[in-house]
Protein backbone atom coordinates (compact mmCIF):
# COMPACT_ATOMS: atom_id res chain seq x y z
CA MET A 1 89.72 148.58 245.40
CA GLN A 2 86.72 146.26 245.59
CA LYS A 3 86.75 143.96 248.58
CA THR A 4 86.82 140.29 247.71
CA ILE A 5 83.99 138.23 249.14
CA ILE A 6 84.29 134.45 249.00
CA THR A 7 81.17 132.31 249.22
CA ILE A 8 80.83 128.55 249.53
CA GLN A 9 79.05 126.36 247.00
CA ASN A 10 78.67 122.65 247.65
CA SER A 11 79.00 120.01 244.96
CA SER A 12 77.14 116.73 244.57
CA ASN A 13 80.63 115.25 244.60
CA GLU A 14 81.06 115.35 248.37
CA THR A 15 84.86 115.59 248.19
CA ILE A 16 84.83 118.79 246.09
CA ILE A 17 83.70 122.24 247.17
CA LYS A 18 83.77 125.56 245.32
CA PHE A 19 84.80 128.90 246.79
CA ASN A 20 83.20 131.52 244.55
CA SER A 21 84.62 135.04 244.26
CA ASN A 22 82.83 138.29 243.48
CA VAL A 23 85.96 139.57 241.70
CA SER A 24 88.21 138.03 239.05
CA LEU A 25 90.94 135.91 240.58
CA ILE A 26 93.09 135.49 237.45
CA ASN A 27 93.07 137.00 233.98
CA ALA A 28 92.03 133.98 231.94
CA GLY A 29 92.25 130.23 231.61
CA SER A 30 92.46 127.92 234.59
CA TYR A 31 95.08 126.12 236.67
CA GLU A 32 95.07 122.70 238.27
CA TYR A 33 97.49 121.62 240.99
CA ALA A 34 97.81 118.09 242.37
CA ASN A 35 100.52 118.87 244.92
CA ILE A 36 102.59 121.69 246.43
CA ASP A 37 105.43 121.31 243.92
CA GLU A 38 103.11 121.88 240.97
CA ALA A 39 101.79 125.03 242.67
CA LYS A 40 105.02 127.03 242.43
CA LYS A 41 103.23 129.81 240.51
CA SER A 42 100.51 130.11 243.16
CA SER A 43 101.39 130.98 246.75
CA LEU A 44 97.72 130.62 247.64
CA ALA A 45 97.57 127.07 246.33
CA GLN A 46 100.79 126.24 248.16
CA GLN A 47 99.28 127.54 251.39
CA LEU A 48 96.20 125.41 250.84
CA PHE A 49 98.33 122.30 250.35
CA TYR A 50 99.73 122.80 253.85
CA LEU A 51 96.25 121.79 255.02
CA PRO A 52 96.57 118.00 255.39
CA PHE A 53 93.17 117.26 253.87
CA VAL A 54 93.71 119.14 250.56
CA LYS A 55 94.12 116.74 247.62
CA LYS A 56 93.76 119.01 244.55
CA VAL A 57 93.27 122.72 243.87
CA PHE A 58 91.58 124.17 240.76
CA ILE A 59 91.79 127.91 240.12
CA THR A 60 89.62 129.71 237.54
CA PRO A 61 88.78 133.41 237.05
CA ASN A 62 85.69 133.23 239.26
CA PHE A 63 86.17 130.38 241.71
CA ILE A 64 88.59 128.06 243.46
CA ALA A 65 87.58 124.40 243.73
CA ILE A 66 89.26 122.15 246.25
CA GLN A 67 89.13 118.38 246.44
CA ARG A 68 89.75 116.88 249.88
CA TYR A 69 90.97 113.59 251.24
CA ASP A 70 88.52 111.58 253.34
CA ILE A 71 90.19 112.39 256.66
CA VAL A 72 87.72 115.24 257.29
CA ASP A 73 84.25 116.38 256.27
CA TRP A 74 83.90 119.73 254.51
CA SER A 75 81.35 120.85 257.10
CA ASP A 76 84.12 120.82 259.72
CA VAL A 77 86.68 122.90 257.79
CA GLN A 78 85.01 124.81 254.94
CA GLU A 79 84.53 128.06 256.86
CA GLU A 80 88.17 128.09 257.94
CA VAL A 81 89.29 127.58 254.32
CA ARG A 82 86.89 130.27 253.08
CA GLU A 83 88.33 132.79 255.53
CA GLN A 84 91.89 131.84 254.61
CA ILE A 85 91.25 132.40 250.89
CA GLU A 86 89.33 135.65 251.46
CA ASN A 87 91.98 137.10 253.79
CA TYR A 88 94.81 136.12 251.44
CA ILE A 89 93.24 137.95 248.51
CA ASN A 90 92.15 141.02 250.49
CA GLU A 91 95.70 141.46 251.74
CA GLY A 92 96.66 142.21 248.15
CA ASN A 93 98.37 138.91 247.38
CA VAL A 94 98.44 137.48 243.86
CA VAL A 95 96.44 134.29 243.37
CA VAL A 96 98.56 133.01 240.46
CA ASN A 97 101.76 134.56 239.12
CA GLU A 98 100.74 134.62 235.46
CA GLU A 99 103.97 136.22 234.21
CA ASN A 100 106.08 133.87 232.12
CA VAL A 101 103.52 131.12 232.49
CA SER A 102 104.27 128.43 229.93
CA ALA A 103 101.98 128.30 226.95
CA LYS A 104 101.84 124.51 227.20
CA LYS A 105 98.58 122.70 226.65
CA GLU A 106 96.13 123.56 229.43
CA ALA A 107 95.29 120.76 231.83
CA PHE A 108 91.63 119.95 232.16
CA GLU A 109 90.02 117.99 234.95
CA VAL A 110 86.63 116.44 234.17
CA TYR A 111 84.77 114.54 236.86
CA ALA A 112 81.46 112.71 236.56
CA GLU A 113 78.71 113.16 239.13
CA VAL A 114 75.44 111.30 239.44
CA THR A 115 72.29 113.44 239.67
CA PRO A 116 68.82 112.84 241.12
CA ASN A 117 67.71 112.18 237.54
CA PRO A 118 68.90 108.66 236.61
CA SER A 119 68.94 109.60 232.92
CA VAL A 120 71.34 112.52 233.46
CA MET A 121 75.02 112.60 234.33
CA LYS A 122 76.81 115.82 235.29
CA PHE A 123 80.36 116.34 234.06
CA GLY A 124 82.10 119.00 236.15
CA ILE A 125 85.06 120.84 234.63
CA ASN A 126 87.83 122.98 236.15
CA LYS A 127 87.16 125.74 233.63
CA SER A 128 84.36 128.18 233.02
CA LEU A 129 82.63 127.26 229.76
CA THR A 130 79.92 129.91 229.46
CA GLU A 131 78.25 132.77 231.30
CA ILE A 132 74.86 131.83 229.82
CA ASP A 133 73.08 128.52 230.41
CA VAL A 134 72.52 126.80 227.06
CA GLU A 135 70.31 123.78 226.41
CA TYR A 136 70.20 121.64 223.27
CA LYS A 137 67.34 119.20 222.80
CA ASN A 138 68.69 117.67 219.59
CA ILE A 139 71.64 117.61 217.20
CA ASP A 140 70.10 120.18 214.84
CA GLU A 141 70.06 122.83 217.57
CA ALA A 142 73.64 122.00 218.54
CA SER A 143 74.87 122.32 214.95
CA LYS A 144 73.84 125.98 214.90
CA SER A 145 76.05 127.21 217.71
CA SER A 146 78.05 124.61 219.67
CA PRO A 147 80.72 122.36 218.13
CA LEU A 148 81.18 120.71 221.54
CA ALA A 149 77.49 119.84 221.92
CA LEU A 150 77.44 118.67 218.30
CA ALA A 151 80.37 116.36 219.01
CA ILE A 152 78.64 114.98 222.12
CA PHE A 153 75.53 114.23 220.06
CA SER A 154 77.68 111.96 217.88
CA PHE A 155 77.30 109.36 220.62
CA PRO A 156 74.11 107.44 219.81
CA PHE A 157 72.95 107.29 223.41
CA VAL A 158 72.90 111.10 223.88
CA LYS A 159 69.42 112.62 224.01
CA GLU A 160 70.01 116.18 225.31
CA VAL A 161 72.94 118.41 226.28
CA PHE A 162 72.91 121.26 228.81
CA ILE A 163 76.00 123.50 229.14
CA SER A 164 76.37 125.76 232.17
CA ASP A 165 79.15 127.69 233.89
CA ASN A 166 81.57 124.88 234.68
CA TYR A 167 79.68 121.71 233.92
CA ILE A 168 77.85 119.81 231.19
CA SER A 169 74.74 117.76 231.94
CA ILE A 170 74.01 115.01 229.44
CA THR A 171 70.69 113.19 229.17
CA LYS A 172 70.87 109.67 227.74
CA TYR A 173 68.38 107.37 226.11
CA ASN A 174 67.51 104.19 228.01
CA MET A 175 69.50 102.00 225.60
CA VAL A 176 72.48 101.97 228.00
CA GLU A 177 73.30 102.58 231.66
CA TRP A 178 75.60 105.39 232.78
CA ASN A 179 77.97 102.99 234.53
CA GLU A 180 78.73 101.52 231.10
CA ILE A 181 79.50 104.81 229.34
CA PHE A 182 80.38 107.62 231.76
CA ALA A 183 84.14 106.97 231.66
CA GLU A 184 84.19 107.12 227.86
CA MET A 185 82.21 110.37 227.87
CA ARG A 186 84.39 111.93 230.56
CA SER A 187 87.55 111.13 228.58
CA PHE A 188 85.99 112.47 225.38
CA ILE A 189 85.10 115.82 226.96
CA ARG A 190 88.52 116.18 228.57
CA GLU A 191 90.38 115.39 225.33
CA TYR A 192 88.12 117.72 223.32
CA LEU A 193 88.79 120.67 225.63
CA ALA A 194 92.49 119.90 226.03
CA ALA A 195 92.85 120.00 222.24
CA GLY A 196 91.70 123.64 222.31
CA LYS A 197 88.54 122.97 220.32
CA PRO A 198 85.72 125.54 220.70
CA VAL A 199 82.75 125.12 223.00
CA PHE A 200 80.72 127.60 220.92
CA LYS A 201 81.06 129.14 217.48
CA GLU A 202 80.43 132.41 219.27
CA ILE A 203 79.66 133.27 222.89
CA PRO A 204 75.89 132.96 223.45
CA THR A 205 74.19 136.22 224.34
CA GLN A 206 70.91 134.72 225.49
CA LYS A 207 69.59 131.42 226.77
CA ILE A 208 68.85 128.89 224.06
CA SER A 209 65.93 126.49 224.33
CA SER A 210 64.34 124.03 222.00
CA THR A 211 60.86 125.30 221.37
CA GLU A 212 59.03 128.56 221.27
CA LYS A 213 56.92 127.34 224.17
CA ASN A 214 59.94 126.99 226.42
CA GLU A 215 61.85 130.12 225.43
CA ILE A 216 63.07 132.17 228.35
CA PRO A 217 61.88 135.74 227.80
CA VAL A 218 64.38 138.54 228.14
CA LEU A 219 62.37 141.13 230.05
CA LYS A 220 62.98 143.98 232.42
CA LEU A 221 61.13 142.70 235.46
CA GLU A 222 59.67 144.75 238.26
CA GLY A 223 57.67 144.11 241.41
CA ILE A 224 56.82 140.52 242.36
CA PRO A 225 58.35 138.93 239.19
CA ALA A 226 61.65 140.66 239.93
CA GLN A 227 61.56 139.43 243.53
CA ILE A 228 60.81 135.89 242.35
CA VAL A 229 63.82 135.96 240.03
CA ASP A 230 66.05 137.26 242.84
CA ILE A 231 64.94 134.42 245.13
CA LEU A 232 65.50 131.82 242.41
CA GLU A 233 68.97 133.19 241.67
CA GLU A 234 70.09 133.40 245.29
CA TYR A 235 68.47 130.40 246.96
CA ILE A 236 67.42 127.87 244.32
CA LYS A 237 69.83 127.95 241.40
CA PRO A 238 73.00 127.12 243.37
CA ALA A 239 71.30 124.03 244.78
CA VAL A 240 69.95 122.71 241.49
CA ALA A 241 73.21 123.55 239.70
CA SER A 242 75.09 121.29 242.11
CA ASP A 243 72.85 118.49 240.83
CA GLY A 244 73.50 119.37 237.18
CA GLY A 245 70.27 121.25 236.57
CA ASN A 246 68.83 124.72 236.18
CA ILE A 247 65.55 126.48 236.80
CA ALA A 248 64.55 129.60 234.88
CA PHE A 249 61.70 132.01 235.52
CA ARG A 250 59.08 132.01 232.74
CA SER A 251 56.13 134.11 233.93
CA TYR A 252 53.99 135.22 236.85
CA ASP A 253 50.19 135.20 236.73
CA GLU A 254 49.28 137.96 239.15
CA THR A 255 45.56 137.13 239.14
CA ASN A 256 45.96 133.47 240.06
CA LYS A 257 49.32 133.98 241.80
CA VAL A 258 50.94 131.21 239.77
CA VAL A 259 54.66 131.13 238.94
CA SER A 260 55.72 129.31 235.77
CA VAL A 261 59.29 128.08 235.42
CA VAL A 262 61.36 126.10 232.92
CA LEU A 263 63.40 123.13 234.13
CA GLN A 264 66.68 122.44 232.35
CA GLY A 265 69.53 119.95 232.49
CA ALA A 266 69.13 117.25 235.12
CA CYS A 267 65.93 118.90 236.41
CA SER A 268 64.12 118.35 233.12
CA GLY A 269 62.23 115.09 233.30
CA CYS A 270 63.63 114.24 236.71
CA PRO A 271 61.34 111.94 238.75
CA SER A 272 61.90 114.08 241.84
CA SER A 273 61.31 117.43 240.10
CA THR A 274 57.65 117.60 241.15
CA ALA A 275 58.57 117.09 244.80
CA THR A 276 61.31 119.71 244.45
CA LEU A 277 58.86 122.21 242.99
CA LYS A 278 56.22 121.65 245.65
CA ASN A 279 58.25 120.94 248.78
CA GLY A 280 61.17 123.20 248.01
CA ILE A 281 60.65 126.03 245.57
CA GLU A 282 56.93 126.59 246.08
CA ASN A 283 57.17 126.56 249.88
CA LEU A 284 60.16 128.92 249.83
CA LEU A 285 58.41 131.43 247.58
CA LYS A 286 55.26 131.27 249.69
CA GLU A 287 57.32 131.91 252.80
CA MET A 288 59.35 134.78 251.34
CA LEU A 289 56.47 136.34 249.37
CA PRO A 290 53.44 135.76 251.60
CA ASN A 291 50.02 136.20 249.96
CA HIS A 292 51.56 136.45 246.50
CA ILE A 293 52.19 132.78 245.62
CA ASN A 294 49.61 130.03 245.29
CA GLN A 295 51.44 127.61 243.04
CA VAL A 296 54.65 126.98 241.10
CA VAL A 297 54.37 125.00 237.88
CA ALA A 298 56.96 123.80 235.37
CA ILE A 299 55.82 124.31 231.79
CA ASN A 300 58.10 121.52 230.61
CA GLY A 301 57.89 119.05 233.47
């Protein structure tokens, strides 16, 4: 039996943290518990509620998200919680008793998070939406594959939609401010999902982008390009995802030692993206791949 390994992923919402699992925790769907009484089908969730700082517990097939009260900081308790979850699962305990679970309408929690890009708001969801990051630059692209994105584009202020694992990043036009519209959008997404409407017409099999220039090539990478992708996946993507964005490898110019990437979601058009590329990603790649990296450039930013 594969050993369960739980890893910690921070959220830009400082009260919520994700505990990711390398194995499936439940068969399908997701569960949200606001207190110990609601968690009768989950001994793990009940145990977590005995911790005085636990406010809500969200359980999905690949992660457990916990919202805390303000009596502690996550930095003080997150490792203890991680170990508790990991030990519970590795002892052979069931995360959620899914037998005879009512087929009632699934509860969805949607929370809005600001991002470093003032034009983009991230809407986190207690359910996995897709295994492939999908970006729509306009309503025509959305109409081809995503009823949810198409519905979001019905709002006149929506410019772009980016759908990732368990969040949606929406880019607005400057006609309105997010503090005027985020509550309406959050309610719309929650009601859409709760009604059982589809996110996609069919599950995407590859990343979708708006133009041929920005397409993410599906290649079997070797050598330095493969190492670059591994570094991006392990060290960079979790950080930018917490801010509602994504970064995807595009190409590597071996002669000039230049890495080209595509910025998506909140990273696309973000005022701080240049600083992130230079001070964060470029420096990290130079440090981890000495003498192989001179520059990192974004072909769409």
